């Protein structure tokens, strides 16, 4: 567990460790930006290889995750992109922060926790048009 000076607590967890309300909150955070629809997030988020949740008090305000390693999928994406990358590396899943908590370095804390114990860079399929710097 990592407690930030500004009162945010970031923890690693599995989807099964989250209450039903926390899972819905995470799905809402993921889908509220409009890049991912709820059905897709509800299908993919539980498959996350690793999850980190940021809380302030009792409120879940951010979530980051890595997707499971899918070698064939990664190889296909690398081929389409005409750019080689290690298909044995996990894919960036989600990094989202409630808009009212942006600017507090919550995303960097959740991503650091979600990506810990992994070596080398992650790959991502796309970058969200709704991404904001310094989340």
C-alpha atoms as a PDB file:
ATOM      1  CA  UNK A   1       0.000   0.000   0.000  1.00  0.00           C
ATOM      2  CA  UNK A   2       1.234   3.453  -0.869  1.00  0.00           C
ATOM      3  CA  UNK A   3      -0.140   6.536   0.902  1.00  0.00           C
ATOM      4  CA  UNK A   4       0.499   9.829  -0.819  1.00  0.00           C
ATOM      5  CA  UNK A   5       1.083  13.056   1.094  1.00  0.00           C
ATOM      6  CA  UNK A   6      -2.090  14.574  -0.345  1.00  0.00           C
ATOM      7  CA  UNK A   7      -4.325  11.927   1.243  1.00  0.00           C
ATOM      8  CA  UNK A   8      -4.677   9.492  -1.643  1.00  0.00           C
ATOM      9  CA  UNK A   9      -4.104   5.807  -0.931  1.00  0.00           C
ATOM     10  CA  UNK A  10      -3.147   3.495  -3.806  1.00  0.00           C
ATOM     11  CA  UNK A  11      -3.493  -0.266  -3.417  1.00  0.00           C
ATOM     12  CA  UNK A  12      -2.982  -3.265  -5.685  1.00  0.00           C
ATOM     13  CA  UNK A  13      -5.840  -5.690  -5.815  1.00  0.00           C
ATOM     14  CA  UNK A  14      -7.655  -8.281  -7.870  1.00  0.00           C
ATOM     15  CA  UNK A  15     -11.110  -7.655  -9.279  1.00  0.00           C
ATOM     16  CA  UNK A  16     -12.445 -10.269  -6.865  1.00  0.00           C
ATOM     17  CA  UNK A  17     -11.141  -8.160  -3.958  1.00  0.00           C
ATOM     18  CA  UNK A  18     -13.460  -5.301  -4.932  1.00  0.00           C
ATOM     19  CA  UNK A  19     -17.024  -5.000  -3.694  1.00  0.00           C
ATOM     20  CA  UNK A  20     -19.783  -4.923  -6.293  1.00  0.00           C
ATOM     21  CA  UNK A  21     -20.107  -1.154  -5.756  1.00  0.00           C
ATOM     22  CA  UNK A  22     -16.343  -0.659  -6.239  1.00  0.00           C
ATOM     23  CA  UNK A  23     -16.408  -2.678  -9.471  1.00  0.00           C
ATOM     24  CA  UNK A  24     -19.245  -0.545 -10.819  1.00  0.00           C
ATOM     25  CA  UNK A  25     -17.381   2.617  -9.764  1.00  0.00           C
ATOM     26  CA  UNK A  26     -14.256   1.432 -11.621  1.00  0.00           C
ATOM     27  CA  UNK A  27     -16.317   0.629 -14.718  1.00  0.00           C
ATOM     28  CA  UNK A  28     -17.937   4.069 -14.579  1.00  0.00           C
ATOM     29  CA  UNK A  29     -14.528   5.743 -14.302  1.00  0.00           C
ATOM     30  CA  UNK A  30     -13.307   3.735 -17.293  1.00  0.00           C
ATOM     31  CA  UNK A  31     -16.351   4.450 -19.456  1.00  0.00           C
ATOM     32  CA  UNK A  32     -17.190   8.050 -18.522  1.00  0.00           C
ATOM     33  CA  UNK A  33     -14.516   9.390 -20.881  1.00  0.00           C
ATOM     34  CA  UNK A  34     -16.471   7.957 -23.805  1.00  0.00           C
ATOM     35  CA  UNK A  35     -13.586   5.987 -25.299  1.00  0.00           C
ATOM     36  CA  UNK A  36     -14.669   2.587 -23.949  1.00  0.00           C
ATOM     37  CA  UNK A  37     -18.289   1.462 -23.804  1.00  0.00           C
ATOM     38  CA  UNK A  38     -19.680  -0.158 -20.652  1.00  0.00           C
ATOM     39  CA  UNK A  39     -20.226  -3.601 -22.220  1.00  0.00           C
ATOM     40  CA  UNK A  40     -16.602  -3.783 -23.389  1.00  0.00           C
ATOM     41  CA  UNK A  41     -15.250  -2.543 -20.053  1.00  0.00           C
ATOM     42  CA  UNK A  42     -17.462  -4.990 -18.122  1.00  0.00           C
ATOM     43  CA  UNK A  43     -16.060  -7.814 -20.252  1.00  0.00           C
ATOM     44  CA  UNK A  44     -12.391  -6.783 -20.206  1.00  0.00           C
ATOM     45  CA  UNK A  45     -11.799  -5.173 -16.798  1.00  0.00           C
ATOM     46  CA  UNK A  46     -12.294  -8.440 -14.841  1.00  0.00           C
ATOM     47  CA  UNK A  47      -9.616 -10.049 -17.044  1.00  0.00           C
ATOM     48  CA  UNK A  48      -6.995  -7.479 -15.998  1.00  0.00           C
ATOM     49  CA  UNK A  49      -3.646  -8.962 -15.092  1.00  0.00           C
ATOM     50  CA  UNK A  50      -3.092  -6.394 -12.370  1.00  0.00           C
ATOM     51  CA  UNK A  51      -5.186  -3.567 -10.941  1.00  0.00           C
ATOM     52  CA  UNK A  52      -4.412  -0.569  -8.758  1.00  0.00           C
ATOM     53  CA  UNK A  53      -7.110   1.516  -7.130  1.00  0.00           C
ATOM     54  CA  UNK A  54      -6.691   5.062  -5.804  1.00  0.00           C
ATOM     55  CA  UNK A  55      -8.913   6.116  -2.950  1.00  0.00           C
ATOM     56  CA  UNK A  56      -9.407   9.323  -1.069  1.00  0.00           C
ATOM     57  CA  UNK A  57     -11.239   8.456   2.111  1.00  0.00           C
ATOM     58  CA  UNK A  58     -13.899   5.912   1.172  1.00  0.00           C
ATOM     59  CA  UNK A  59     -14.184   7.092  -2.437  1.00  0.00           C
ATOM     60  CA  UNK A  60     -12.547   5.267  -5.360  1.00  0.00           C
ATOM     61  CA  UNK A  61     -11.144   8.099  -7.481  1.00  0.00           C
ATOM     62  CA  UNK A  62      -8.804   6.319  -9.909  1.00  0.00           C
ATOM     63  CA  UNK A  63      -7.980   2.964 -11.423  1.00  0.00           C
ATOM     64  CA  UNK A  64      -5.135   1.565 -13.517  1.00  0.00           C
ATOM     65  CA  UNK A  65      -4.763  -1.904 -14.968  1.00  0.00           C
ATOM     66  CA  UNK A  66      -2.697  -4.077 -17.231  1.00  0.00           C
ATOM     67  CA  UNK A  67      -4.309  -6.520 -19.604  1.00  0.00           C
ATOM     68  CA  UNK A  68      -3.294 -10.180 -19.637  1.00  0.00           C
ATOM     69  CA  UNK A  69      -0.499 -11.138 -22.021  1.00  0.00           C
ATOM     70  CA  UNK A  70      -1.999 -12.190 -25.348  1.00  0.00           C
ATOM     71  CA  UNK A  71       0.943 -13.146 -27.562  1.00  0.00           C
ATOM     72  CA  UNK A  72      -1.011 -13.805 -30.760  1.00  0.00           C
ATOM     73  CA  UNK A  73      -3.006 -10.585 -30.420  1.00  0.00           C
ATOM     74  CA  UNK A  74       0.150  -8.568 -29.730  1.00  0.00           C
ATOM     75  CA  UNK A  75       1.942 -10.139 -32.690  1.00  0.00           C
ATOM     76  CA  UNK A  76      -0.988  -9.240 -34.945  1.00  0.00           C
ATOM     77  CA  UNK A  77      -1.032  -5.642 -33.703  1.00  0.00           C
ATOM     78  CA  UNK A  78       2.727  -5.333 -34.208  1.00  0.00           C
ATOM     79  CA  UNK A  79       2.363  -6.612 -37.757  1.00  0.00           C
ATOM     80  CA  UNK A  80      -0.465  -4.168 -38.551  1.00  0.00           C
ATOM     81  CA  UNK A  81       1.520  -1.308 -37.039  1.00  0.00           C
ATOM     82  CA  UNK A  82       4.635  -2.399 -38.920  1.00  0.00           C
ATOM     83  CA  UNK A  83       6.500  -1.858 -35.672  1.00  0.00           C
ATOM     84  CA  UNK A  84       8.128  -4.684 -33.739  1.00  0.00           C
ATOM     85  CA  UNK A  85       7.619  -4.962 -29.998  1.00  0.00           C
ATOM     86  CA  UNK A  86       7.899  -7.745 -27.464  1.00  0.00           C
ATOM     87  CA  UNK A  87       4.712  -9.779 -27.657  1.00  0.00           C
ATOM     88  CA  UNK A  88       5.519 -11.236 -24.231  1.00  0.00           C
ATOM     89  CA  UNK A  89       4.924  -7.881 -22.536  1.00  0.00           C
ATOM     90  CA  UNK A  90       1.568  -6.918 -21.073  1.00  0.00           C
ATOM     91  CA  UNK A  91      -0.629  -4.326 -22.710  1.00  0.00           C
ATOM     92  CA  UNK A  92      -1.609  -1.134 -20.969  1.00  0.00           C
ATOM     93  CA  UNK A  93      -5.233  -1.537 -19.937  1.00  0.00           C
ATOM     94  CA  UNK A  94      -6.732   1.546 -18.351  1.00  0.00           C
ATOM     95  CA  UNK A  95      -5.459   4.561 -16.430  1.00  0.00           C
ATOM     96  CA  UNK A  96      -8.314   6.834 -15.392  1.00  0.00           C
ATOM     97  CA  UNK A  97      -8.968   9.407 -12.698  1.00  0.00           C
ATOM     98  CA  UNK A  98     -12.203  11.072 -11.653  1.00  0.00           C
ATOM     99  CA  UNK A  99     -12.135  14.557 -13.230  1.00  0.00           C
ATOM    100  CA  UNK A 100     -12.518  16.263  -9.849  1.00  0.00           C
ATOM    101  CA  UNK A 101      -9.272  14.620  -8.657  1.00  0.00           C
ATOM    102  CA  UNK A 102      -7.100  15.336 -11.693  1.00  0.00           C
ATOM    103  CA  UNK A 103      -3.957  17.358 -11.196  1.00  0.00           C
ATOM    104  CA  UNK A 104      -3.035  15.486  -8.004  1.00  0.00           C
ATOM    105  CA  UNK A 105      -0.705  12.912  -9.614  1.00  0.00           C
ATOM    106  CA  UNK A 106      -3.222  10.143  -8.979  1.00  0.00           C
ATOM    107  CA  UNK A 107      -2.716   8.537 -12.407  1.00  0.00           C
ATOM    108  CA  UNK A 108       1.046   8.279 -11.959  1.00  0.00           C
ATOM    109  CA  UNK A 109       0.534   6.614  -8.570  1.00  0.00           C
ATOM    110  CA  UNK A 110      -1.995   4.094  -9.852  1.00  0.00           C
ATOM    111  CA  UNK A 111       0.054   3.300 -12.952  1.00  0.00           C
ATOM    112  CA  UNK A 112       3.241   2.859 -10.893  1.00  0.00           C
ATOM    113  CA  UNK A 113       1.425   0.360  -8.689  1.00  0.00           C
ATOM    114  CA  UNK A 114      -0.340  -1.472 -11.547  1.00  0.00           C
ATOM    115  CA  UNK A 115       2.885  -1.828 -13.528  1.00  0.00           C
ATOM    116  CA  UNK A 116       5.173  -2.721 -10.631  1.00  0.00           C
ATOM    117  CA  UNK A 117       7.115  -5.964 -10.890  1.00  0.00           C
ATOM    118  CA  UNK A 118       7.051  -5.772 -14.692  1.00  0.00           C
ATOM    119  CA  UNK A 119      10.233  -5.185 -16.610  1.00  0.00           C
ATOM    120  CA  UNK A 120      10.572  -3.135 -19.733  1.00  0.00           C
ATOM    121  CA  UNK A 121       7.981  -1.028 -21.524  1.00  0.00           C
ATOM    122  CA  UNK A 122       4.321  -1.846 -21.949  1.00  0.00           C
ATOM    123  CA  UNK A 123       2.558  -1.463 -25.234  1.00  0.00           C
ATOM    124  CA  UNK A 124      -0.778   0.151 -25.913  1.00  0.00           C
ATOM    125  CA  UNK A 125      -3.103  -0.212 -28.847  1.00  0.00           C
ATOM    126  CA  UNK A 126      -4.270   3.377 -28.918  1.00  0.00           C
ATOM    127  CA  UNK A 127      -4.239   6.578 -26.939  1.00  0.00           C
ATOM    128  CA  UNK A 128      -7.488   8.078 -25.732  1.00  0.00           C
ATOM    129  CA  UNK A 129      -8.552  11.360 -27.252  1.00  0.00           C
ATOM    130  CA  UNK A 130      -9.953  12.215 -23.821  1.00  0.00           C
ATOM    131  CA  UNK A 131      -6.578  11.890 -22.093  1.00  0.00           C
ATOM    132  CA  UNK A 132      -5.520  14.878 -20.084  1.00  0.00           C
ATOM    133  CA  UNK A 133      -1.953  15.649 -19.047  1.00  0.00           C
ATOM    134  CA  UNK A 134      -0.985  15.605 -15.374  1.00  0.00           C
ATOM    135  CA  UNK A 135      -3.945  13.531 -14.222  1.00  0.00           C
END
